[in-house]
Amino acid sequence: MNLNRAAKLRFLHSDDPGCLHTLLPYLKMYGNRCLSYSTTQPGLNHALLESSGYISWIETSTLLPGKNAVILSEPVCAPEQQLPLIKRMEKHLGKITLVQIGEKLAEILFEEGFSVYQIGVETELDIQTFSLTGKHKCSLRQWRNKCLKSGLTVEEKKLSEIDRQEIDKLCYNWLKGKGGKELSFLTRPMADTDEEGVRFFWTRKDGDLQALAGFDPLCSSGSTVGYYHNFDRICSGAVNGASAFTLLNAMDKFRLENKQILSLGLSPLSGMEQGYDLVGPLQKLAQFFYEYGEKIYPFKGNARHKSKFCGTKKKVYVASNAGWFRTMIAASTACGLEL
């Protein structure tokens, strides 16, 4: 597909009839980032260039005049078309901030004059080569063995095949320890109905639902190449390790289907290094929140759990033309914080 500068952008909202149906072909072709499928969640605006792809964003309010747009992840289009599409959106929206983008696009935007800050790392597993051998995976082996001895079973079923009251009870139990409400934007809320390509695995003990794991598809050139572990719900009385046990069982099935990648998603403020605009006081501030900000978000616990899978860590960034104050507001909005 060629990017036609004269072509008009088509603006959509997630509430518009047929919006998801319009976006899905681009997701299947270019939706290979862990948050690509999250661009279909409720409450987002979309700018579609039919010859290329689309960008998804929300608008936030600050104390400063003018629009302040927060773009979710990278444009869903071919890599060579991302910058031209971003530049068109910059002209339309003015001040923009892209949240959770990869290192290649971050470098391009830095060269274009954007301020760029690392916000953490994403962890990816190679499904085909992953194994439980090695001393660093002893916790995974122990959890798996304990769950097997405890009689836990895992099965894949659609959302529509599970009693909704049973799901709601599990989610309510889980959310009580997470602030009591579902987040959005960087954390896509769990839908009430089946979604194309999204898969769920359910873990039970003696028939009682103890955990669920949901996976968004990662797509390239029309095929599903892997999944993002986006949903994780565990009841307070679950067998220790039930979450990892569910994930490992899902990976076994994905391996048989010849899927390649499993993304565990973002570990905020983990693996932070100097580079681009993250220097001096900003890096010290990030380190401070990582060390002492557990009441705001379990930064260390998130990173520690994902490290047990010994995956590949990829740096992720925020890029903005909006100045440090707007960028702070944008990042806070994306994380579900109210300033």
Protein backbone atom coordinates (compact mmCIF):
# COMPACT_ATOMS: atom_id res chain seq x y z
CA MET A 1 0.00 0.00 0.00
CA ASN A 2 1.26 3.49 -0.86
CA LEU A 3 0.58 6.48 1.34
CA ASN A 4 -1.33 9.01 -0.75
CA ARG A 5 -0.77 12.48 0.72
CA ALA A 6 -3.92 13.75 -1.00
CA ALA A 7 -6.12 11.00 0.44
CA LYS A 8 -8.52 12.12 3.16
CA LEU A 9 -8.47 10.77 6.68
CA ARG A 10 -11.67 9.09 7.80
CA PHE A 11 -12.53 9.71 11.43
CA LEU A 12 -14.30 7.04 13.48
CA HIS A 13 -15.24 6.44 17.10
CA SER A 14 -15.42 3.10 18.85
CA ASP A 15 -19.18 3.62 19.36
CA ASP A 16 -19.82 4.01 15.62
CA PRO A 17 -21.67 1.06 14.01
CA GLY A 18 -19.23 -1.06 12.03
CA CYS A 19 -16.13 0.56 13.53
CA LEU A 20 -14.55 -2.72 14.63
CA HIS A 21 -15.41 -4.38 11.31
CA THR A 22 -13.63 -1.52 9.52
CA LEU A 23 -10.47 -1.77 11.64
CA LEU A 24 -10.06 -5.56 11.72
CA PRO A 25 -8.51 -5.97 8.22
CA TYR A 26 -5.69 -3.59 9.21
CA LEU A 27 -5.21 -5.39 12.52
CA LYS A 28 -4.88 -8.72 10.73
CA MET A 29 -2.28 -7.25 8.38
CA TYR A 30 -0.23 -5.06 10.76
CA GLY A 31 -1.38 -5.72 14.36
CA ASN A 32 1.82 -7.30 15.66
CA ARG A 33 2.40 -5.14 18.77
CA CYS A 34 1.05 -6.25 22.12
CA LEU A 35 -1.37 -3.29 22.29
CA SER A 36 -2.52 -3.42 18.66
CA TYR A 37 -5.77 -5.20 19.52
CA SER A 38 -6.28 -2.77 22.42
CA THR A 39 -6.85 -0.02 19.82
CA THR A 40 -10.34 -1.54 19.36
CA GLN A 41 -11.43 -0.92 22.98
CA PRO A 42 -14.36 1.36 23.87
CA GLY A 43 -13.85 5.10 24.17
CA LEU A 44 -11.20 5.63 21.49
CA ASN A 45 -11.11 7.87 18.44
CA HIS A 46 -9.64 6.56 15.21
CA ALA A 47 -8.17 8.25 12.15
CA LEU A 48 -8.19 5.87 9.18
CA LEU A 49 -6.33 6.29 5.92
CA GLU A 50 -7.81 3.48 3.85
CA SER A 51 -4.68 3.06 1.70
CA SER A 52 -2.49 2.74 4.77
CA GLY A 53 -3.92 2.04 8.24
CA TYR A 54 -5.10 3.89 11.33
CA ILE A 55 -4.17 5.66 14.55
CA SER A 56 -6.18 5.47 17.79
CA TRP A 57 -6.24 8.12 20.51
CA ILE A 58 -8.05 9.85 23.35
CA GLU A 59 -8.08 13.55 24.16
CA THR A 60 -7.20 14.79 27.63
CA SER A 61 -7.61 18.10 29.42
CA THR A 62 -4.74 20.06 30.92
CA LEU A 63 -4.33 23.51 32.41
CA LEU A 64 -2.88 24.63 29.09
CA PRO A 65 -4.95 25.71 26.06
CA GLY A 66 -5.35 23.62 22.92
CA LYS A 67 -5.88 19.95 22.18
CA ASN A 68 -3.87 17.28 23.96
CA ALA A 69 -4.10 13.87 22.25
CA VAL A 70 -2.73 10.63 23.66
CA ILE A 71 -2.11 8.04 20.94
CA LEU A 72 -2.26 4.39 22.00
CA SER A 73 0.82 2.46 20.92
CA GLU A 74 1.99 2.63 17.28
CA PRO A 75 -0.09 3.32 14.16
CA VAL A 76 -1.55 0.07 12.84
CA CYS A 77 0.04 0.19 9.39
CA ALA A 78 3.22 -0.80 7.56
CA PRO A 79 6.41 0.44 9.31
CA GLU A 80 7.39 2.77 6.47
CA GLN A 81 3.98 4.45 6.65
CA GLN A 82 3.97 5.14 10.38
CA LEU A 83 5.85 8.45 10.34
CA PRO A 84 3.82 10.02 7.47
CA LEU A 85 0.59 9.04 9.24
CA ILE A 86 1.85 10.46 12.56
CA LYS A 87 2.84 13.73 10.85
CA ARG A 88 -0.65 14.05 9.39
CA MET A 89 -2.16 13.51 12.80
CA GLU A 90 0.24 16.06 14.27
CA LYS A 91 -1.16 18.66 11.86
CA HIS A 92 -4.73 17.68 12.76
CA LEU A 93 -4.39 17.29 16.54
CA GLY A 94 -1.52 19.62 17.42
CA LYS A 95 0.05 18.40 20.65
CA ILE A 96 0.36 14.62 20.61
CA THR A 97 1.91 11.95 22.82
CA LEU A 98 2.44 8.36 21.69
CA VAL A 99 2.44 5.91 24.59
CA GLN A 100 4.15 2.48 24.60
CA ILE A 101 5.97 2.46 21.28
CA GLY A 102 8.95 0.36 20.21
CA GLU A 103 12.58 1.41 19.97
CA LYS A 104 12.67 1.78 16.17
CA LEU A 105 9.77 4.23 16.03
CA ALA A 106 11.11 6.04 19.11
CA GLU A 107 14.41 6.64 17.31
CA ILE A 108 12.62 7.97 14.22
CA LEU A 109 10.48 10.36 16.25
CA PHE A 110 13.49 11.56 18.26
CA GLU A 111 15.18 12.50 15.00
CA GLU A 112 11.97 14.39 14.08
CA GLY A 113 12.27 16.54 17.19
CA PHE A 114 9.96 14.65 19.55
CA SER A 115 10.90 14.25 23.19
CA VAL A 116 11.40 10.55 23.92
CA TYR A 117 11.40 8.80 27.30
CA GLN A 118 11.73 5.13 28.12
CA ILE A 119 8.83 3.90 30.29
CA GLY A 120 9.86 0.28 30.87
CA VAL A 121 10.27 -2.99 29.02
CA GLU A 122 7.98 -5.50 27.32
CA THR A 123 8.71 -9.20 27.80
CA GLU A 124 8.34 -11.65 24.91
CA LEU A 125 8.61 -15.45 24.89
CA ASP A 126 9.50 -17.64 21.92
CA ILE A 127 6.70 -20.20 22.12
CA GLN A 128 8.46 -22.84 20.02
CA THR A 129 11.71 -22.86 22.02
CA PHE A 130 10.34 -22.15 25.49
CA SER A 131 10.94 -24.85 28.10
CA LEU A 132 10.90 -25.19 31.89
CA THR A 133 14.52 -26.33 32.16
CA GLY A 134 17.17 -24.30 33.95
CA LYS A 135 17.64 -23.02 37.49
CA HIS A 136 16.00 -19.66 36.75
CA LYS A 137 12.68 -21.39 36.01
CA CYS A 138 12.54 -23.45 39.20
CA SER A 139 9.57 -21.39 40.48
CA LEU A 140 7.58 -22.20 37.34
CA ARG A 141 8.29 -25.93 37.76
CA GLN A 142 7.31 -25.80 41.42
CA TRP A 143 4.06 -23.96 40.66
CA ARG A 144 3.17 -26.37 37.87
CA ASN A 145 3.82 -29.43 40.03
CA LYS A 146 1.85 -28.00 42.96
CA CYS A 147 -1.12 -27.19 40.71
CA LEU A 148 -1.07 -30.66 39.18
CA LYS A 149 -0.96 -32.30 42.62
CA SER A 150 -3.81 -30.03 43.76
CA GLY A 151 -6.00 -31.31 40.93
CA LEU A 152 -6.22 -28.12 38.87
CA THR A 153 -7.43 -28.50 35.30
CA VAL A 154 -7.27 -26.02 32.40
CA GLU A 155 -9.57 -25.86 29.41
CA GLU A 156 -10.08 -23.41 26.56
CA LYS A 157 -13.60 -22.08 26.08
CA LYS A 158 -15.18 -18.94 24.68
CA LEU A 159 -16.54 -16.29 27.02
CA SER A 160 -20.04 -17.14 25.82
CA GLU A 161 -19.57 -20.75 26.93
CA ILE A 162 -18.99 -19.83 30.59
CA ASP A 163 -21.66 -18.81 33.11
CA ARG A 164 -21.46 -15.02 33.23
CA GLN A 165 -22.22 -14.96 36.96
CA GLU A 166 -19.21 -17.20 37.51
CA ILE A 167 -16.98 -14.83 35.51
CA ASP A 168 -18.31 -11.75 37.31
CA LYS A 169 -17.71 -13.35 40.70
CA LEU A 170 -14.09 -14.14 39.80
CA CYS A 171 -13.49 -10.64 38.39
CA TYR A 172 -15.08 -8.95 41.42
CA ASN A 173 -12.93 -11.02 43.76
CA TRP A 174 -9.81 -10.10 41.79
CA LEU A 175 -10.65 -6.40 41.46
CA LYS A 176 -11.12 -6.00 45.22
CA GLY A 177 -7.36 -6.23 45.56
CA LYS A 178 -6.72 -3.96 42.56
CA GLY A 179 -8.53 -0.78 43.52
CA GLY A 180 -12.04 -2.03 42.77
CA LYS A 181 -12.38 -0.95 39.14
CA GLU A 182 -11.33 -2.01 35.66
CA LEU A 183 -8.71 0.19 34.01
CA SER A 184 -8.64 1.17 30.35
CA PHE A 185 -6.35 2.46 27.60
CA LEU A 186 -3.02 0.73 28.33
CA THR A 187 -5.02 -1.97 30.11
CA ARG A 188 -7.89 -2.99 27.83
CA PRO A 189 -11.09 -3.74 29.76
CA MET A 190 -12.45 -7.25 29.44
CA ALA A 191 -15.41 -7.48 27.10
CA ASP A 192 -18.81 -8.99 27.90
CA THR A 193 -19.04 -10.88 24.60
CA ASP A 194 -16.82 -12.97 22.36
CA GLU A 195 -14.27 -11.03 20.30
CA GLU A 196 -12.74 -12.20 17.04
CA GLY A 197 -9.39 -13.88 17.62
CA VAL A 198 -9.39 -13.43 21.42
CA ARG A 199 -8.97 -16.68 23.36
CA PHE A 200 -9.67 -17.64 26.98
CA PHE A 201 -8.38 -20.45 29.19
CA TRP A 202 -10.12 -21.40 32.45
CA THR A 203 -8.61 -23.11 35.48
CA ARG A 204 -10.76 -25.07 37.93
CA LYS A 205 -10.39 -27.07 41.10
CA ASP A 206 -13.18 -29.51 41.89
CA GLY A 207 -15.35 -27.63 39.38
CA ASP A 208 -14.82 -24.20 40.94
CA LEU A 209 -13.34 -21.46 38.77
CA GLN A 210 -10.01 -20.35 40.24
CA ALA A 211 -8.37 -18.40 37.40
CA LEU A 212 -8.72 -17.27 33.81
CA ALA A 213 -6.25 -16.08 31.21
CA GLY A 214 -7.22 -14.14 28.08
CA PHE A 215 -5.06 -13.63 25.01
CA ASP A 216 -5.28 -10.99 22.29
CA PRO A 217 -4.00 -12.02 18.83
CA LEU A 218 -0.74 -10.72 17.37
CA CYS A 219 -1.09 -10.61 13.59
CA SER A 220 1.13 -10.17 10.55
CA SER A 221 0.22 -10.35 6.85
CA GLY A 222 -3.22 -11.77 7.58
CA SER A 223 -2.12 -14.54 9.96
CA THR A 224 -2.05 -14.87 13.75
CA VAL A 225 1.60 -15.31 14.72
CA GLY A 226 1.19 -15.18 18.48
CA TYR A 227 -0.69 -13.74 21.43
CA TYR A 228 -0.53 -11.08 24.13
CA HIS A 229 -1.45 -12.27 27.63
CA ASN A 230 -3.81 -9.38 28.30
CA PHE A 231 -6.28 -10.74 30.88
CA ASP A 232 -5.36 -12.43 34.14
CA ARG A 233 -7.93 -13.03 36.86
CA ILE A 234 -7.31 -15.10 39.99
CA CYS A 235 -9.54 -15.67 43.01
CA SER A 236 -8.11 -14.93 46.45
CA GLY A 237 -8.21 -18.59 47.48
CA ALA A 238 -6.57 -19.98 44.35
CA VAL A 239 -3.74 -22.49 44.56
CA ASN A 240 -0.40 -20.67 44.56
CA GLY A 241 0.88 -20.54 40.99
CA ALA A 242 -2.53 -20.93 39.33
CA SER A 243 -1.92 -17.94 37.07
CA ALA A 244 1.40 -19.27 35.73
CA PHE A 245 -0.11 -22.76 35.44
CA THR A 246 -2.90 -21.41 33.24
CA LEU A 247 -0.41 -19.52 31.07
CA LEU A 248 1.85 -22.55 30.64
CA ASN A 249 -1.10 -24.71 29.55
CA ALA A 250 -2.14 -22.09 27.00
CA MET A 251 1.43 -21.98 25.66
CA ASP A 252 1.40 -25.75 25.20
CA LYS A 253 -1.64 -25.42 22.96
CA PHE A 254 -0.20 -22.45 21.05
CA ARG A 255 2.99 -24.44 20.43
CA LEU A 256 1.02 -27.26 18.80
CA GLU A 257 -0.61 -24.65 16.55
CA ASN A 258 2.85 -23.41 15.48
CA LYS A 259 2.38 -19.96 17.00
CA GLN A 260 5.64 -18.07 17.52
CA ILE A 261 5.35 -15.23 20.06
CA LEU A 262 3.78 -14.77 23.47
CA SER A 263 3.96 -11.25 24.85
CA LEU A 264 3.68 -10.75 28.60
CA GLY A 265 3.32 -7.01 28.06
CA LEU A 266 4.77 -3.99 29.82
CA SER A 267 6.69 -3.86 33.08
CA PRO A 268 6.46 -0.13 33.86
CA LEU A 269 9.70 1.58 34.97
CA SER A 270 11.62 -1.71 34.79
CA GLY A 271 14.93 -1.90 32.94
CA MET A 272 15.24 1.88 32.70
CA GLU A 273 18.45 3.19 31.15
CA GLN A 274 19.71 6.60 30.17
CA GLY A 275 19.03 7.54 26.57
CA TYR A 276 17.17 10.06 24.47
CA ASP A 277 15.61 12.51 26.95
CA LEU A 278 15.64 10.19 29.97
CA VAL A 279 18.68 11.64 31.72
CA GLY A 280 19.56 13.17 35.08
CA PRO A 281 16.59 14.12 37.28
CA LEU A 282 14.01 12.31 35.13
CA GLN A 283 15.84 9.01 35.42
CA LYS A 284 16.25 9.49 39.18
CA LEU A 285 12.52 10.20 39.48
CA ALA A 286 11.70 7.00 37.54
CA GLN A 287 14.03 5.00 39.78
CA PHE A 288 12.43 6.52 42.88
CA PHE A 289 8.91 5.49 41.78
CA TYR A 290 10.13 2.00 40.89
CA GLU A 291 11.74 1.56 44.31
CA TYR A 292 9.12 3.21 46.52
CA GLY A 293 5.90 3.51 44.50
CA GLU A 294 4.33 0.15 45.31
CA LYS A 295 1.21 1.83 46.73
CA ILE A 296 0.63 3.46 43.33
CA TYR A 297 1.44 0.40 41.21
CA PRO A 298 3.23 -2.92 41.95
CA PHE A 299 6.22 -2.04 39.75
CA LYS A 300 8.66 -4.50 41.31
CA GLY A 301 6.15 -7.33 41.64
CA ASN A 302 5.12 -7.01 37.98
CA ALA A 303 8.72 -7.14 36.78
CA ARG A 304 9.71 -9.92 39.20
CA HIS A 305 6.84 -12.19 38.09
CA LYS A 306 7.59 -11.78 34.38
CA SER A 307 11.33 -12.29 34.92
CA LYS A 308 10.62 -15.86 36.07
CA PHE A 309 9.79 -16.74 32.43
CA CYS A 310 13.27 -15.59 31.27
CA GLY A 311 11.96 -13.93 28.12
CA THR A 312 13.40 -11.29 25.83
CA LYS A 313 13.07 -7.75 27.18
CA LYS A 314 12.38 -4.95 24.72
CA LYS A 315 12.53 -1.28 25.66
CA VAL A 316 9.35 0.75 25.20
CA TYR A 317 8.91 4.49 25.10
CA VAL A 318 6.72 7.57 25.22
CA ALA A 319 7.28 10.12 22.42
CA SER A 320 5.78 13.59 22.56
CA ASN A 321 5.85 17.02 20.91
CA ALA A 322 3.88 18.46 23.82
CA GLY A 323 6.49 19.44 26.42
CA TRP A 324 7.13 17.80 29.76
CA PHE A 325 3.90 18.94 31.49
CA ARG A 326 1.55 17.66 28.79
CA THR A 327 3.60 14.48 28.53
CA MET A 328 3.21 13.91 32.28
CA ILE A 329 -0.56 14.38 32.00
CA ALA A 330 -0.66 12.04 28.99
CA ALA A 331 1.34 9.31 30.69
CA SER A 332 -0.74 9.60 33.86
CA THR A 333 -3.98 9.36 31.87
CA ALA A 334 -2.68 6.31 30.05
CA CYS A 335 -1.88 4.62 33.37
CA GLY A 336 -5.34 5.38 34.75
CA LEU A 337 -4.15 7.98 37.25
CA GLU A 338 -6.15 11.15 37.84
CA LEU A 339 -4.06 14.28 38.35
